[in-house]
């Protein structure tokens, strides 16, 4: 998942995607414990995708705060 794709999503879509990825992580953990998981790099990839999504949300929060502060100072 690329950051440009994430930035094109709405906040609700990002939150939904985070929840979906958390479910995937849980599934990967179960598969690992049962010996079914072949590609263990999926943990790292999914964890990083979640971090990218959370970073994009935080960027939006900070931008909204800056706009609000500029509005108060004007």
C-alpha atoms as a PDB file:
ATOM      1  CA  UNK A   1       0.000   0.000   0.000  1.00  0.00           C
ATOM      2  CA  UNK A   2       1.397   3.357  -1.029  1.00  0.00           C
ATOM      3  CA  UNK A   3       0.996   6.618   0.860  1.00  0.00           C
ATOM      4  CA  UNK A   4      -0.646   8.259  -2.171  1.00  0.00           C
ATOM      5  CA  UNK A   5      -3.390   5.635  -2.065  1.00  0.00           C
ATOM      6  CA  UNK A   6      -3.865   6.229   1.629  1.00  0.00           C
ATOM      7  CA  UNK A   7      -4.060  10.004   1.271  1.00  0.00           C
ATOM      8  CA  UNK A   8      -6.813   9.552  -1.328  1.00  0.00           C
ATOM      9  CA  UNK A   9      -8.944   7.665   1.229  1.00  0.00           C
ATOM     10  CA  UNK A  10     -11.396   9.263   3.619  1.00  0.00           C
ATOM     11  CA  UNK A  11     -10.903   9.013   7.366  1.00  0.00           C
ATOM     12  CA  UNK A  12     -13.613   6.375   7.658  1.00  0.00           C
ATOM     13  CA  UNK A  13     -12.016   4.286   4.928  1.00  0.00           C
ATOM     14  CA  UNK A  14      -8.670   4.499   6.688  1.00  0.00           C
ATOM     15  CA  UNK A  15     -10.175   3.399   9.994  1.00  0.00           C
ATOM     16  CA  UNK A  16     -11.949   0.502   8.290  1.00  0.00           C
ATOM     17  CA  UNK A  17      -8.713  -0.561   6.594  1.00  0.00           C
ATOM     18  CA  UNK A  18      -6.863  -0.468   9.926  1.00  0.00           C
ATOM     19  CA  UNK A  19      -9.466  -2.773  11.450  1.00  0.00           C
ATOM     20  CA  UNK A  20      -9.242  -5.132   8.468  1.00  0.00           C
ATOM     21  CA  UNK A  21      -5.457  -5.285   8.765  1.00  0.00           C
ATOM     22  CA  UNK A  22      -5.670  -5.994  12.496  1.00  0.00           C
ATOM     23  CA  UNK A  23      -7.943  -8.940  11.713  1.00  0.00           C
ATOM     24  CA  UNK A  24      -5.407 -10.113   9.132  1.00  0.00           C
ATOM     25  CA  UNK A  25      -2.627  -9.910  11.745  1.00  0.00           C
ATOM     26  CA  UNK A  26      -4.700 -12.056  14.075  1.00  0.00           C
ATOM     27  CA  UNK A  27      -5.248 -14.575  11.280  1.00  0.00           C
ATOM     28  CA  UNK A  28      -1.518 -14.641  10.539  1.00  0.00           C
ATOM     29  CA  UNK A  29      -0.781 -15.305  14.207  1.00  0.00           C
ATOM     30  CA  UNK A  30      -3.176 -18.243  14.231  1.00  0.00           C
ATOM     31  CA  UNK A  31      -1.687 -19.614  11.023  1.00  0.00           C
ATOM     32  CA  UNK A  32       1.832 -19.258  12.405  1.00  0.00           C
ATOM     33  CA  UNK A  33       0.967 -21.159  15.556  1.00  0.00           C
ATOM     34  CA  UNK A  34      -0.664 -23.959  13.593  1.00  0.00           C
ATOM     35  CA  UNK A  35       2.241 -24.130  11.147  1.00  0.00           C
ATOM     36  CA  UNK A  36       0.192 -23.086   8.111  1.00  0.00           C
ATOM     37  CA  UNK A  37       1.858 -19.715   7.513  1.00  0.00           C
ATOM     38  CA  UNK A  38       4.568 -19.971   4.878  1.00  0.00           C
ATOM     39  CA  UNK A  39       5.459 -16.298   4.375  1.00  0.00           C
ATOM     40  CA  UNK A  40       6.403 -14.789   7.728  1.00  0.00           C
ATOM     41  CA  UNK A  41       7.185 -11.422   6.139  1.00  0.00           C
ATOM     42  CA  UNK A  42       3.434 -10.790   6.045  1.00  0.00           C
ATOM     43  CA  UNK A  43       3.645  -9.747   9.708  1.00  0.00           C
ATOM     44  CA  UNK A  44       6.122  -6.984   8.929  1.00  0.00           C
ATOM     45  CA  UNK A  45       4.295  -5.817   5.797  1.00  0.00           C
ATOM     46  CA  UNK A  46       0.940  -5.662   7.543  1.00  0.00           C
ATOM     47  CA  UNK A  47       2.372  -3.926  10.596  1.00  0.00           C
ATOM     48  CA  UNK A  48       3.972  -1.298   8.372  1.00  0.00           C
ATOM     49  CA  UNK A  49       0.745  -0.780   6.430  1.00  0.00           C
ATOM     50  CA  UNK A  50      -1.046  -0.137   9.710  1.00  0.00           C
ATOM     51  CA  UNK A  51       1.655   2.373  10.668  1.00  0.00           C
ATOM     52  CA  UNK A  52       1.289   4.171   7.327  1.00  0.00           C
ATOM     53  CA  UNK A  53      -2.464   4.420   7.808  1.00  0.00           C
ATOM     54  CA  UNK A  54      -2.099   5.769  11.339  1.00  0.00           C
ATOM     55  CA  UNK A  55       0.516   8.268  10.180  1.00  0.00           C
ATOM     56  CA  UNK A  56      -1.823   9.619   7.508  1.00  0.00           C
ATOM     57  CA  UNK A  57      -4.579  10.044  10.114  1.00  0.00           C
ATOM     58  CA  UNK A  58      -2.196  11.881  12.425  1.00  0.00           C
ATOM     59  CA  UNK A  59      -1.086  14.179   9.590  1.00  0.00           C
ATOM     60  CA  UNK A  60      -4.708  15.125   9.025  1.00  0.00           C
ATOM     61  CA  UNK A  61      -5.251  15.783  12.738  1.00  0.00           C
ATOM     62  CA  UNK A  62      -2.212  18.042  12.912  1.00  0.00           C
ATOM     63  CA  UNK A  63      -3.262  19.914   9.773  1.00  0.00           C
ATOM     64  CA  UNK A  64      -6.722  20.510  11.237  1.00  0.00           C
ATOM     65  CA  UNK A  65      -5.185  21.789  14.481  1.00  0.00           C
ATOM     66  CA  UNK A  66      -2.918  24.198  12.612  1.00  0.00           C
ATOM     67  CA  UNK A  67      -5.852  25.539  10.614  1.00  0.00           C
ATOM     68  CA  UNK A  68      -7.851  26.005  13.812  1.00  0.00           C
ATOM     69  CA  UNK A  69      -4.957  27.860  15.469  1.00  0.00           C
ATOM     70  CA  UNK A  70      -4.520  30.144  12.483  1.00  0.00           C
ATOM     71  CA  UNK A  71      -8.224  30.914  12.592  1.00  0.00           C
ATOM     72  CA  UNK A  72      -7.981  31.923  16.262  1.00  0.00           C
ATOM     73  CA  UNK A  73      -4.930  34.116  15.699  1.00  0.00           C
ATOM     74  CA  UNK A  74      -6.448  36.035  12.811  1.00  0.00           C
END
